[in-house]
Amino acid sequence: RLDEAQVRGMLLSHYHGVALDLAGLEPDNAGSVRRAALDSWAFF
């Protein structure tokens, strides 16, 4: 019973386009997560 925008704000992807570029990240793809972690200035 939370607002979807509120849930999105709980995720690191909330900073996509602001502090990070996570355009290539696919949540269910471990390879894409690893690549995004290597390229992103963030703690995964």
PDB file of all heavy atoms in Angstrom:
ATOM      1  N   ARG A   1       0.823  -1.216   0.000  1.00  0.00           N
ATOM      2  CA  ARG A   1       0.000   0.000   0.000  1.00  0.00           C
ATOM      3  C   ARG A   1       0.861   1.271   0.000  1.00  0.00           C
ATOM      4  O   ARG A   1       0.588   2.235   0.690  1.00  0.00           O
ATOM      5  CB  ARG A   1      -0.965  -0.008   1.197  1.00  0.00           C
ATOM      6  CG  ARG A   1      -2.059  -1.056   1.092  1.00  0.00           C
ATOM      7  CD  ARG A   1      -2.885  -1.157   2.353  1.00  0.00           C
ATOM      8  NE  ARG A   1      -2.134  -1.767   3.439  1.00  0.00           N
ATOM      9  CZ  ARG A   1      -1.968  -1.211   4.625  1.00  0.00           C
ATOM     10  NH1 ARG A   1      -2.479  -0.017   4.881  1.00  0.00           N
ATOM     11  NH2 ARG A   1      -1.276  -1.826   5.572  1.00  0.00           N
ATOM     12  N   LEU A   2       1.901   1.235  -0.834  1.00  0.00           N
ATOM     13  CA  LEU A   2       2.776   2.391  -1.021  1.00  0.00           C
ATOM     14  C   LEU A   2       2.592   2.935  -2.429  1.00  0.00           C
ATOM     15  O   LEU A   2       2.191   2.209  -3.346  1.00  0.00           O
ATOM     16  CB  LEU A   2       4.245   2.005  -0.812  1.00  0.00           C
ATOM     17  CG  LEU A   2       4.643   1.545   0.595  1.00  0.00           C
ATOM     18  CD1 LEU A   2       6.082   1.056   0.593  1.00  0.00           C
ATOM     19  CD2 LEU A   2       4.460   2.675   1.600  1.00  0.00           C
ATOM     20  N   ASP A   3       2.889   4.186  -2.600  1.00  0.00           N
ATOM     21  CA  ASP A   3       2.825   4.786  -3.927  1.00  0.00           C
ATOM     22  C   ASP A   3       4.000   4.278  -4.747  1.00  0.00           C
ATOM     23  O   ASP A   3       5.117   4.118  -4.240  1.00  0.00           O
ATOM     24  CB  ASP A   3       2.882   6.311  -3.800  1.00  0.00           C
ATOM     25  CG  ASP A   3       2.694   6.985  -5.137  1.00  0.00           C
ATOM     26  OD1 ASP A   3       1.545   7.173  -5.558  1.00  0.00           O
ATOM     27  OD2 ASP A   3       3.720   7.318  -5.767  1.00  0.00           O
ATOM     28  N   GLU A   4       3.766   4.014  -6.043  1.00  0.00           N
ATOM     29  CA  GLU A   4       4.837   3.492  -6.896  1.00  0.00           C
ATOM     30  C   GLU A   4       6.022   4.455  -6.971  1.00  0.00           C
ATOM     31  O   GLU A   4       7.176   4.028  -6.984  1.00  0.00           O
ATOM     32  CB  GLU A   4       4.294   3.197  -8.303  1.00  0.00           C
ATOM     33  CG  GLU A   4       3.351   2.015  -8.357  1.00  0.00           C
ATOM     34  CD  GLU A   4       2.905   1.700  -9.778  1.00  0.00           C
ATOM     35  OE1 GLU A   4       3.602   2.121 -10.738  1.00  0.00           O
ATOM     36  OE2 GLU A   4       1.864   1.037  -9.929  1.00  0.00           O
ATOM     37  N   ALA A   5       5.731   5.739  -7.002  1.00  0.00           N
ATOM     38  CA  ALA A   5       6.826   6.716  -7.040  1.00  0.00           C
ATOM     39  C   ALA A   5       7.639   6.647  -5.750  1.00  0.00           C
ATOM     40  O   ALA A   5       8.867   6.818  -5.770  1.00  0.00           O
ATOM     41  CB  ALA A   5       6.272   8.123  -7.234  1.00  0.00           C
ATOM     42  N   GLN A   6       6.971   6.384  -4.647  1.00  0.00           N
ATOM     43  CA  GLN A   6       7.662   6.248  -3.360  1.00  0.00           C
ATOM     44  C   GLN A   6       8.592   5.040  -3.379  1.00  0.00           C
ATOM     45  O   GLN A   6       9.724   5.098  -2.881  1.00  0.00           O
ATOM     46  CB  GLN A   6       6.622   6.099  -2.249  1.00  0.00           C
ATOM     47  CG  GLN A   6       7.172   6.243  -0.847  1.00  0.00           C
ATOM     48  CD  GLN A   6       6.061   6.213   0.187  1.00  0.00           C
ATOM     49  OE1 GLN A   6       4.940   5.776  -0.091  1.00  0.00           O
ATOM     50  NE2 GLN A   6       6.353   6.689   1.395  1.00  0.00           N
ATOM     51  N   VAL A   7       8.159   3.954  -3.994  1.00  0.00           N
ATOM     52  CA  VAL A   7       8.988   2.752  -4.091  1.00  0.00           C
ATOM     53  C   VAL A   7      10.183   3.002  -5.007  1.00  0.00           C
ATOM     54  O   VAL A   7      11.313   2.618  -4.692  1.00  0.00           O
ATOM     55  CB  VAL A   7       8.155   1.556  -4.600  1.00  0.00           C
ATOM     56  CG1 VAL A   7       9.045   0.322  -4.772  1.00  0.00           C
ATOM     57  CG2 VAL A   7       6.996   1.265  -3.649  1.00  0.00           C
ATOM     58  N   ARG A   8       9.929   3.665  -6.129  1.00  0.00           N
ATOM     59  CA  ARG A   8      11.052   3.968  -7.037  1.00  0.00           C
ATOM     60  C   ARG A   8      12.113   4.810  -6.324  1.00  0.00           C
ATOM     61  O   ARG A   8      13.311   4.670  -6.583  1.00  0.00           O
ATOM     62  CB  ARG A   8      10.541   4.690  -8.279  1.00  0.00           C
ATOM     63  CG  ARG A   8       9.938   3.768  -9.320  1.00  0.00           C
ATOM     64  CD  ARG A   8       9.723   4.489 -10.645  1.00  0.00           C
ATOM     65  NE  ARG A   8       8.616   5.437 -10.546  1.00  0.00           N
ATOM     66  CZ  ARG A   8       7.338   5.143 -10.780  1.00  0.00           C
ATOM     67  NH1 ARG A   8       7.012   3.912 -11.128  1.00  0.00           N
ATOM     68  NH2 ARG A   8       6.398   6.055 -10.672  1.00  0.00           N
ATOM     69  N   GLY A   9      11.665   5.688  -5.427  1.00  0.00           N
ATOM     70  CA  GLY A   9      12.608   6.520  -4.700  1.00  0.00           C
ATOM     71  C   GLY A   9      13.467   5.748  -3.716  1.00  0.00           C
ATOM     72  O   GLY A   9      14.460   6.284  -3.205  1.00  0.00           O
ATOM     73  N   MET A  10      13.104   4.499  -3.420  1.00  0.00           N
ATOM     74  CA  MET A  10      13.891   3.664  -2.513  1.00  0.00           C
ATOM     75  C   MET A  10      15.028   2.931  -3.221  1.00  0.00           C
ATOM     76  O   MET A  10      15.866   2.304  -2.564  1.00  0.00           O
ATOM     77  CB  MET A  10      12.991   2.613  -1.843  1.00  0.00           C
ATOM     78  CG  MET A  10      11.893   3.177  -0.969  1.00  0.00           C
ATOM     79  SD  MET A  10      10.923   1.801  -0.299  1.00  0.00           S
ATOM     80  CE  MET A  10       9.815   2.680   0.795  1.00  0.00           C
ATOM     81  N   LEU A  11      15.034   2.961  -4.539  1.00  0.00           N
ATOM     82  CA  LEU A  11      16.004   2.201  -5.336  1.00  0.00           C
ATOM     83  C   LEU A  11      17.158   3.091  -5.766  1.00  0.00           C
ATOM     84  O   LEU A  11      16.992   4.298  -5.963  1.00  0.00           O
ATOM     85  CB  LEU A  11      15.319   1.620  -6.569  1.00  0.00           C
ATOM     86  CG  LEU A  11      14.179   0.633  -6.295  1.00  0.00           C
ATOM     87  CD1 LEU A  11      13.346   0.427  -7.553  1.00  0.00           C
ATOM     88  CD2 LEU A  11      14.734  -0.697  -5.796  1.00  0.00           C
ATOM     89  N   LEU A  12      18.314   2.482  -5.958  1.00  0.00           N
ATOM     90  CA  LEU A  12      19.456   3.243  -6.450  1.00  0.00           C
ATOM     91  C   LEU A  12      19.172   3.829  -7.826  1.00  0.00           C
ATOM     92  O   LEU A  12      19.675   4.902  -8.172  1.00  0.00           O
ATOM     93  CB  LEU A  12      20.699   2.341  -6.505  1.00  0.00           C
ATOM     94  CG  LEU A  12      22.022   3.023  -6.877  1.00  0.00           C
ATOM     95  CD1 LEU A  12      22.376   4.119  -5.884  1.00  0.00           C
ATOM     96  CD2 LEU A  12      23.139   1.993  -6.975  1.00  0.00           C
ATOM     97  N   SER A  13      18.326   3.154  -8.603  1.00  0.00           N
ATOM     98  CA  SER A  13      17.967   3.661  -9.921  1.00  0.00           C
ATOM     99  C   SER A  13      17.206   4.980  -9.843  1.00  0.00           C
ATOM    100  O   SER A  13      16.997   5.630 -10.869  1.00  0.00           O
ATOM    101  CB  SER A  13      17.134   2.626 -10.687  1.00  0.00           C
ATOM    102  OG  SER A  13      15.967   2.287  -9.954  1.00  0.00           O
ATOM    103  N   HIS A  14      16.789   5.388  -8.634  1.00  0.00           N
ATOM    104  CA  HIS A  14      16.190   6.706  -8.439  1.00  0.00           C
ATOM    105  C   HIS A  14      17.133   7.802  -8.936  1.00  0.00           C
ATOM    106  O   HIS A  14      16.689   8.876  -9.367  1.00  0.00           O
ATOM    107  CB  HIS A  14      15.883   6.892  -6.949  1.00  0.00           C
ATOM    108  CG  HIS A  14      15.547   8.299  -6.547  1.00  0.00           C
ATOM    109  ND1 HIS A  14      14.385   8.934  -6.921  1.00  0.00           N
ATOM    110  CD2 HIS A  14      16.240   9.208  -5.803  1.00  0.00           C
ATOM    111  CE1 HIS A  14      14.361  10.159  -6.419  1.00  0.00           C
ATOM    112  NE2 HIS A  14      15.477  10.356  -5.744  1.00  0.00           N
ATOM    113  N   TYR A  15      18.442   7.537  -8.906  1.00  0.00           N
ATOM    114  CA  TYR A  15      19.433   8.528  -9.319  1.00  0.00           C
ATOM    115  C   TYR A  15      19.852   8.372 -10.777  1.00  0.00           C
ATOM    116  O   TYR A  15      20.794   9.034 -11.208  1.00  0.00           O
ATOM    117  CB  TYR A  15      20.661   8.430  -8.409  1.00  0.00           C
ATOM    118  CG  TYR A  15      20.381   8.929  -7.012  1.00  0.00           C
ATOM    119  CD1 TYR A  15      20.139   8.039  -5.966  1.00  0.00           C
ATOM    120  CD2 TYR A  15      20.328  10.287  -6.743  1.00  0.00           C
ATOM    121  CE1 TYR A  15      19.856   8.499  -4.688  1.00  0.00           C
ATOM    122  CE2 TYR A  15      20.048  10.760  -5.467  1.00  0.00           C
ATOM    123  CZ  TYR A  15      19.812   9.854  -4.452  1.00  0.00           C
ATOM    124  OH  TYR A  15      19.528  10.317  -3.192  1.00  0.00           O
ATOM    125  N   HIS A  16      19.161   7.513 -11.528  1.00  0.00           N
ATOM    126  CA  HIS A  16      19.441   7.396 -12.963  1.00  0.00           C
ATOM    127  C   HIS A  16      19.152   8.732 -13.651  1.00  0.00           C
ATOM    128  O   HIS A  16      18.107   9.343 -13.444  1.00  0.00           O
ATOM    129  CB  HIS A  16      18.572   6.306 -13.586  1.00  0.00           C
ATOM    130  CG  HIS A  16      18.620   6.278 -15.086  1.00  0.00           C
ATOM    131  ND1 HIS A  16      19.777   6.047 -15.791  1.00  0.00           N
ATOM    132  CD2 HIS A  16      17.642   6.478 -16.014  1.00  0.00           C
ATOM    133  CE1 HIS A  16      19.521   6.104 -17.088  1.00  0.00           C
ATOM    134  NE2 HIS A  16      18.233   6.366 -17.247  1.00  0.00           N
ATOM    135  N   GLY A  17      20.099   9.199 -14.436  1.00  0.00           N
ATOM    136  CA  GLY A  17      19.939  10.471 -15.124  1.00  0.00           C
ATOM    137  C   GLY A  17      20.282  11.676 -14.278  1.00  0.00           C
ATOM    138  O   GLY A  17      20.280  12.802 -14.771  1.00  0.00           O
ATOM    139  N   VAL A  18      20.598  11.453 -13.006  1.00  0.00           N
ATOM    140  CA  VAL A  18      20.980  12.542 -12.100  1.00  0.00           C
ATOM    141  C   VAL A  18      22.425  12.360 -11.636  1.00  0.00           C
ATOM    142  O   VAL A  18      23.269  13.226 -11.814  1.00  0.00           O
ATOM    143  CB  VAL A  18      20.035  12.611 -10.885  1.00  0.00           C
ATOM    144  CG1 VAL A  18      20.468  13.714  -9.918  1.00  0.00           C
ATOM    145  CG2 VAL A  18      18.602  12.850 -11.339  1.00  0.00           C
ATOM    146  N   ALA A  19      22.713  11.194 -11.053  1.00  0.00           N
ATOM    147  CA  ALA A  19      24.074  10.894 -10.618  1.00  0.00           C
ATOM    148  C   ALA A  19      24.639   9.670 -11.305  1.00  0.00           C
ATOM    149  O   ALA A  19      25.836   9.402 -11.202  1.00  0.00           O
ATOM    150  CB  ALA A  19      24.107  10.674  -9.104  1.00  0.00           C
ATOM    151  N   LEU A  20      23.784   8.918 -12.017  1.00  0.00           N
ATOM    152  CA  LEU A  20      24.184   7.663 -12.639  1.00  0.00           C
ATOM    153  C   LEU A  20      23.559   7.540 -14.020  1.00  0.00           C
ATOM    154  O   LEU A  20      22.533   8.161 -14.302  1.00  0.00           O
ATOM    155  CB  LEU A  20      23.708   6.463 -11.807  1.00  0.00           C
ATOM    156  CG  LEU A  20      24.079   6.391 -10.332  1.00  0.00           C
ATOM    157  CD1 LEU A  20      23.255   5.304  -9.665  1.00  0.00           C
ATOM    158  CD2 LEU A  20      25.556   6.107 -10.183  1.00  0.00           C
ATOM    159  N   ASP A  21      24.176   6.709 -14.850  1.00  0.00           N
ATOM    160  CA  ASP A  21      23.565   6.326 -16.117  1.00  0.00           C
ATOM    161  C   ASP A  21      23.384   4.814 -16.082  1.00  0.00           C
ATOM    162  O   ASP A  21      24.334   4.056 -16.252  1.00  0.00           O
ATOM    163  CB  ASP A  21      24.465   6.729 -17.291  1.00  0.00           C
ATOM    164  CG  ASP A  21      23.853   6.358 -18.640  1.00  0.00           C
ATOM    165  OD1 ASP A  21      22.726   5.818 -18.651  1.00  0.00           O
ATOM    166  OD2 ASP A  21      24.509   6.587 -19.673  1.00  0.00           O
ATOM    167  N   LEU A  22      22.172   4.383 -15.816  1.00  0.00           N
ATOM    168  CA  LEU A  22      21.860   2.958 -15.718  1.00  0.00           C
ATOM    169  C   LEU A  22      21.017   2.499 -16.900  1.00  0.00           C
ATOM    170  O   LEU A  22      20.233   1.555 -16.791  1.00  0.00           O
ATOM    171  CB  LEU A  22      21.116   2.665 -14.404  1.00  0.00           C
ATOM    172  CG  LEU A  22      21.876   2.999 -13.113  1.00  0.00           C
ATOM    173  CD1 LEU A  22      20.997   2.708 -11.899  1.00  0.00           C
ATOM    174  CD2 LEU A  22      23.174   2.217 -13.023  1.00  0.00           C
ATOM    175  N   ALA A  23      21.203   3.154 -18.057  1.00  0.00           N
ATOM    176  CA  ALA A  23      20.356   2.858 -19.212  1.00  0.00           C
ATOM    177  C   ALA A  23      20.461   1.411 -19.658  1.00  0.00           C
ATOM    178  O   ALA A  23      19.496   0.827 -20.148  1.00  0.00           O
ATOM    179  CB  ALA A  23      20.733   3.791 -20.370  1.00  0.00           C
ATOM    180  N   GLY A  24      21.618   0.792 -19.505  1.00  0.00           N
ATOM    181  CA  GLY A  24      21.793  -0.585 -19.978  1.00  0.00           C
ATOM    182  C   GLY A  24      21.491  -1.644 -18.946  1.00  0.00           C
ATOM    183  O   GLY A  24      21.659  -2.837 -19.218  1.00  0.00           O
ATOM    184  N   LEU A  25      21.032  -1.248 -17.763  1.00  0.00           N
ATOM    185  CA  LEU A  25      20.815  -2.226 -16.691  1.00  0.00           C
ATOM    186  C   LEU A  25      19.487  -2.944 -16.875  1.00  0.00           C
ATOM    187  O   LEU A  25      18.453  -2.317 -17.071  1.00  0.00           O
ATOM    188  CB  LEU A  25      20.863  -1.529 -15.328  1.00  0.00           C
ATOM    189  CG  LEU A  25      20.816  -2.450 -14.106  1.00  0.00           C
ATOM    190  CD1 LEU A  25      21.708  -1.909 -12.996  1.00  0.00           C
ATOM    191  CD2 LEU A  25      19.392  -2.602 -13.573  1.00  0.00           C
ATOM    192  N   GLU A  26      19.528  -4.272 -16.787  1.00  0.00           N
ATOM    193  CA  GLU A  26      18.330  -5.103 -16.804  1.00  0.00           C
ATOM    194  C   GLU A  26      18.255  -5.824 -15.463  1.00  0.00           C
ATOM    195  O   GLU A  26      19.141  -6.624 -15.142  1.00  0.00           O
ATOM    196  CB  GLU A  26      18.380  -6.109 -17.951  1.00  0.00           C
ATOM    197  CG  GLU A  26      18.519  -5.456 -19.324  1.00  0.00           C
ATOM    198  CD  GLU A  26      18.742  -6.481 -20.423  1.00  0.00           C
ATOM    199  OE1 GLU A  26      18.494  -7.681 -20.167  1.00  0.00           O
ATOM    200  OE2 GLU A  26      19.176  -6.095 -21.518  1.00  0.00           O
ATOM    201  N   PRO A  27      17.236  -5.564 -14.641  1.00  0.00           N
ATOM    202  CA  PRO A  27      17.207  -6.085 -13.275  1.00  0.00           C
ATOM    203  C   PRO A  27      17.369  -7.590 -13.155  1.00  0.00           C
ATOM    204  O   PRO A  27      17.893  -8.078 -12.164  1.00  0.00           O
ATOM    205  CB  PRO A  27      15.836  -5.637 -12.754  1.00  0.00           C
ATOM    206  CG  PRO A  27      15.494  -4.432 -13.578  1.00  0.00           C
ATOM    207  CD  PRO A  27      16.069  -4.709 -14.938  1.00  0.00           C
ATOM    208  N   ASP A  28      16.918  -8.338 -14.158  1.00  0.00           N
ATOM    209  CA  ASP A  28      16.990  -9.801 -14.071  1.00  0.00           C
ATOM    210  C   ASP A  28      18.212 -10.374 -14.769  1.00  0.00           C
ATOM    211  O   ASP A  28      18.349 -11.598 -14.881  1.00  0.00           O
ATOM    212  CB  ASP A  28      15.722 -10.421 -14.664  1.00  0.00           C
ATOM    213  CG  ASP A  28      15.524 -10.064 -16.132  1.00  0.00           C
ATOM    214  OD1 ASP A  28      16.177  -9.102 -16.602  1.00  0.00           O
ATOM    215  OD2 ASP A  28      14.715 -10.731 -16.811  1.00  0.00           O
ATOM    216  N   ASN A  29      19.109  -9.529 -15.244  1.00  0.00           N
ATOM    217  CA  ASN A  29      20.287  -9.981 -15.982  1.00  0.00           C
ATOM    218  C   ASN A  29      21.533  -9.697 -15.160  1.00  0.00           C
ATOM    219  O   ASN A  29      21.952  -8.545 -15.016  1.00  0.00           O
ATOM    220  CB  ASN A  29      20.349  -9.266 -17.345  1.00  0.00           C
ATOM    221  CG  ASN A  29      21.485  -9.765 -18.223  1.00  0.00           C
ATOM    222  OD1 ASN A  29      22.613  -9.908 -17.780  1.00  0.00           O
ATOM    223  ND2 ASN A  29      21.176 -10.017 -19.487  1.00  0.00           N
ATOM    224  N   ALA A  30      22.143 -10.740 -14.611  1.00  0.00           N
ATOM    225  CA  ALA A  30      23.298 -10.567 -13.727  1.00  0.00           C
ATOM    226  C   ALA A  30      24.472  -9.926 -14.462  1.00  0.00           C
ATOM    227  O   ALA A  30      25.200  -9.106 -13.890  1.00  0.00           O
ATOM    228  CB  ALA A  30      23.725 -11.919 -13.149  1.00  0.00           C
ATOM    229  N   GLY A  31      24.650 -10.258 -15.732  1.00  0.00           N
ATOM    230  CA  GLY A  31      25.744  -9.673 -16.502  1.00  0.00           C
ATOM    231  C   GLY A  31      25.597  -8.172 -16.656  1.00  0.00           C
ATOM    232  O   GLY A  31      26.573  -7.422 -16.525  1.00  0.00           O
ATOM    233  N   SER A  32      24.374  -7.729 -16.925  1.00  0.00           N
ATOM    234  CA  SER A  32      24.162  -6.288 -17.094  1.00  0.00           C
ATOM    235  C   SER A  32      24.348  -5.560 -15.770  1.00  0.00           C
ATOM    236  O   SER A  32      24.825  -4.429 -15.739  1.00  0.00           O
ATOM    237  CB  SER A  32      22.764  -6.012 -17.666  1.00  0.00           C
ATOM    238  OG  SER A  32      21.768  -6.064 -16.662  1.00  0.00           O
ATOM    239  N   VAL A  33      24.008  -6.209 -14.661  1.00  0.00           N
ATOM    240  CA  VAL A  33      24.206  -5.594 -13.345  1.00  0.00           C
ATOM    241  C   VAL A  33      25.696  -5.458 -13.055  1.00  0.00           C
ATOM    242  O   VAL A  33      26.152  -4.419 -12.565  1.00  0.00           O
ATOM    243  CB  VAL A  33      23.498  -6.415 -12.246  1.00  0.00           C
ATOM    244  CG1 VAL A  33      23.806  -5.840 -10.868  1.00  0.00           C
ATOM    245  CG2 VAL A  33      21.993  -6.430 -12.484  1.00  0.00           C
ATOM    246  N   ARG A  34      26.463  -6.486 -13.363  1.00  0.00           N
ATOM    247  CA  ARG A  34      27.913  -6.414 -13.142  1.00  0.00           C
ATOM    248  C   ARG A  34      28.543  -5.315 -13.981  1.00  0.00           C
ATOM    249  O   ARG A  34      29.385  -4.548 -13.498  1.00  0.00           O
ATOM    250  CB  ARG A  34      28.558  -7.765 -13.460  1.00  0.00           C
ATOM    251  CG  ARG A  34      28.369  -8.824 -12.391  1.00  0.00           C
ATOM    252  CD  ARG A  34      29.295 -10.005 -12.633  1.00  0.00           C
ATOM    253  NE  ARG A  34      28.963 -10.703 -13.866  1.00  0.00           N
ATOM    254  CZ  ARG A  34      28.100 -11.702 -13.955  1.00  0.00           C
ATOM    255  NH1 ARG A  34      27.472 -12.119 -12.857  1.00  0.00           N
ATOM    256  NH2 ARG A  34      27.861 -12.294 -15.107  1.00  0.00           N
ATOM    257  N   ARG A  35      28.125  -5.233 -15.238  1.00  0.00           N
ATOM    258  CA  ARG A  35      28.699  -4.201 -16.114  1.00  0.00           C
ATOM    259  C   ARG A  35      28.320  -2.803 -15.621  1.00  0.00           C
ATOM    260  O   ARG A  35      29.138  -1.874 -15.628  1.00  0.00           O
ATOM    261  CB  ARG A  35      28.225  -4.415 -17.554  1.00  0.00           C
ATOM    262  CG  ARG A  35      28.879  -5.614 -18.242  1.00  0.00           C
ATOM    263  CD  ARG A  35      28.558  -5.641 -19.722  1.00  0.00           C
ATOM    264  NE  ARG A  35      27.159  -5.903 -19.983  1.00  0.00           N
ATOM    265  CZ  ARG A  35      26.632  -7.123 -20.117  1.00  0.00           C
ATOM    266  NH1 ARG A  35      27.399  -8.193 -19.999  1.00  0.00           N
ATOM    267  NH2 ARG A  35      25.357  -7.282 -20.375  1.00  0.00           N
ATOM    268  N   ALA A  36      27.055  -2.636 -15.198  1.00  0.00           N
ATOM    269  CA  ALA A  36      26.625  -1.336 -14.683  1.00  0.00           C
ATOM    270  C   ALA A  36      27.399  -0.967 -13.423  1.00  0.00           C
ATOM    271  O   ALA A  36      27.761   0.193 -13.216  1.00  0.00           O
ATOM    272  CB  ALA A  36      25.125  -1.353 -14.402  1.00  0.00           C
ATOM    273  N   ALA A  37      27.675  -1.949 -12.570  1.00  0.00           N
ATOM    274  CA  ALA A  37      28.415  -1.683 -11.341  1.00  0.00           C
ATOM    275  C   ALA A  37      29.840  -1.241 -11.641  1.00  0.00           C
ATOM    276  O   ALA A  37      30.384  -0.357 -10.978  1.00  0.00           O
ATOM    277  CB  ALA A  37      28.421  -2.935 -10.462  1.00  0.00           C
ATOM    278  N   LEU A  38      30.454  -1.830 -12.648  1.00  0.00           N
ATOM    279  CA  LEU A  38      31.818  -1.450 -13.013  1.00  0.00           C
ATOM    280  C   LEU A  38      31.868  -0.041 -13.570  1.00  0.00           C
ATOM    281  O   LEU A  38      32.839   0.695 -13.361  1.00  0.00           O
ATOM    282  CB  LEU A  38      32.378  -2.444 -14.045  1.00  0.00           C
ATOM    283  CG  LEU A  38      32.750  -3.829 -13.514  1.00  0.00           C
ATOM    284  CD1 LEU A  38      33.077  -4.762 -14.669  1.00  0.00           C
ATOM    285  CD2 LEU A  38      33.922  -3.747 -12.552  1.00  0.00           C
ATOM    286  N   ASP A  39      30.819   0.353 -14.269  1.00  0.00           N
ATOM    287  CA  ASP A  39      30.830   1.640 -14.961  1.00  0.00           C
ATOM    288  C   ASP A  39      30.254   2.772 -14.125  1.00  0.00           C
ATOM    289  O   ASP A  39      30.493   3.936 -14.400  1.00  0.00           O
ATOM    290  CB  ASP A  39      30.022   1.518 -16.267  1.00  0.00           C
ATOM    291  CG  ASP A  39      30.273   2.692 -17.205  1.00  0.00           C
ATOM    292  OD1 ASP A  39      31.415   3.169 -17.252  1.00  0.00           O
ATOM    293  OD2 ASP A  39      29.317   3.125 -17.859  1.00  0.00           O
ATOM    294  N   SER A  40      29.491   2.430 -13.096  1.00  0.00           N
ATOM    295  CA  SER A  40      28.762   3.451 -12.335  1.00  0.00           C
ATOM    296  C   SER A  40      29.574   3.914 -11.131  1.00  0.00           C
ATOM    297  O   SER A  40      30.351   3.160 -10.543  1.00  0.00           O
ATOM    298  CB  SER A  40      27.413   2.908 -11.862  1.00  0.00           C
ATOM    299  OG  SER A  40      26.601   2.542 -12.957  1.00  0.00           O
ATOM    300  N   TRP A  41      29.359   5.152 -10.757  1.00  0.00           N
ATOM    301  CA  TRP A  41      29.982   5.722  -9.569  1.00  0.00           C
ATOM    302  C   TRP A  41      28.991   5.562  -8.429  1.00  0.00           C
ATOM    303  O   TRP A  41      28.345   6.502  -7.998  1.00  0.00           O
ATOM    304  CB  TRP A  41      30.311   7.179  -9.826  1.00  0.00           C
ATOM    305  CG  TRP A  41      31.544   7.648  -9.130  1.00  0.00           C
ATOM    306  CD1 TRP A  41      32.593   6.906  -8.702  1.00  0.00           C
ATOM    307  CD2 TRP A  41      31.854   9.010  -8.792  1.00  0.00           C
ATOM    308  NE1 TRP A  41      33.543   7.703  -8.123  1.00  0.00           N
ATOM    309  CE2 TRP A  41      33.119   9.003  -8.161  1.00  0.00           C
ATOM    310  CE3 TRP A  41      31.198  10.218  -8.961  1.00  0.00           C
ATOM    311  CZ2 TRP A  41      33.724  10.157  -7.705  1.00  0.00           C
ATOM    312  CZ3 TRP A  41      31.817  11.364  -8.507  1.00  0.00           C
ATOM    313  CH2 TRP A  41      33.066  11.344  -7.890  1.00  0.00           C
ATOM    314  N   ALA A  42      28.881   4.333  -7.943  1.00  0.00           N
ATOM    315  CA  ALA A  42      27.894   4.028  -6.908  1.00  0.00           C
ATOM    316  C   ALA A  42      28.267   2.704  -6.263  1.00  0.00           C
ATOM    317  O   ALA A  42      29.066   1.932  -6.780  1.00  0.00           O
ATOM    318  CB  ALA A  42      26.492   3.942  -7.514  1.00  0.00           C
ATOM    319  N   PHE A  43      27.645   2.436  -5.095  1.00  0.00           N
ATOM    320  CA  PHE A  43      27.862   1.193  -4.389  1.00  0.00           C
ATOM    321  C   PHE A  43      26.710   0.240  -4.689  1.00  0.00           C
ATOM    322  O   PHE A  43      25.561   0.523  -4.328  1.00  0.00           O
ATOM    323  CB  PHE A  43      27.943   1.437  -2.880  1.00  0.00           C
ATOM    324  CG  PHE A  43      28.998   2.428  -2.479  1.00  0.00           C
ATOM    325  CD1 PHE A  43      28.690   3.501  -1.663  1.00  0.00           C
ATOM    326  CD2 PHE A  43      30.300   2.287  -2.927  1.00  0.00           C
ATOM    327  CE1 PHE A  43      29.663   4.411  -1.281  1.00  0.00           C
ATOM    328  CE2 PHE A  43      31.286   3.194  -2.561  1.00  0.00           C
ATOM    329  CZ  PHE A  43      30.967   4.265  -1.742  1.00  0.00           C
ATOM    330  N   PHE A  44      27.003  -0.867  -5.319  1.00  0.00           N
ATOM    331  CA  PHE A  44      25.980  -1.854  -5.623  1.00  0.00           C
ATOM    332  C   PHE A  44      25.883  -2.910  -4.521  1.00  0.00           C
ATOM    333  O   PHE A  44      24.886  -3.624  -4.444  1.00  0.00           O
ATOM    334  CB  PHE A  44      26.278  -2.535  -6.958  1.00  0.00           C
ATOM    335  CG  PHE A  44      25.778  -1.776  -8.157  1.00  0.00           C
ATOM    336  CD1 PHE A  44      25.964  -0.400  -8.267  1.00  0.00           C
ATOM    337  CD2 PHE A  44      25.124  -2.427  -9.187  1.00  0.00           C
ATOM    338  CE1 PHE A  44      25.517   0.303  -9.367  1.00  0.00           C
ATOM    339  CE2 PHE A  44      24.662  -1.726 -10.294  1.00  0.00           C
ATOM    340  CZ  PHE A  44      24.853  -0.355 -10.387  1.00  0.00           C
TER     341      PHE A  44
END
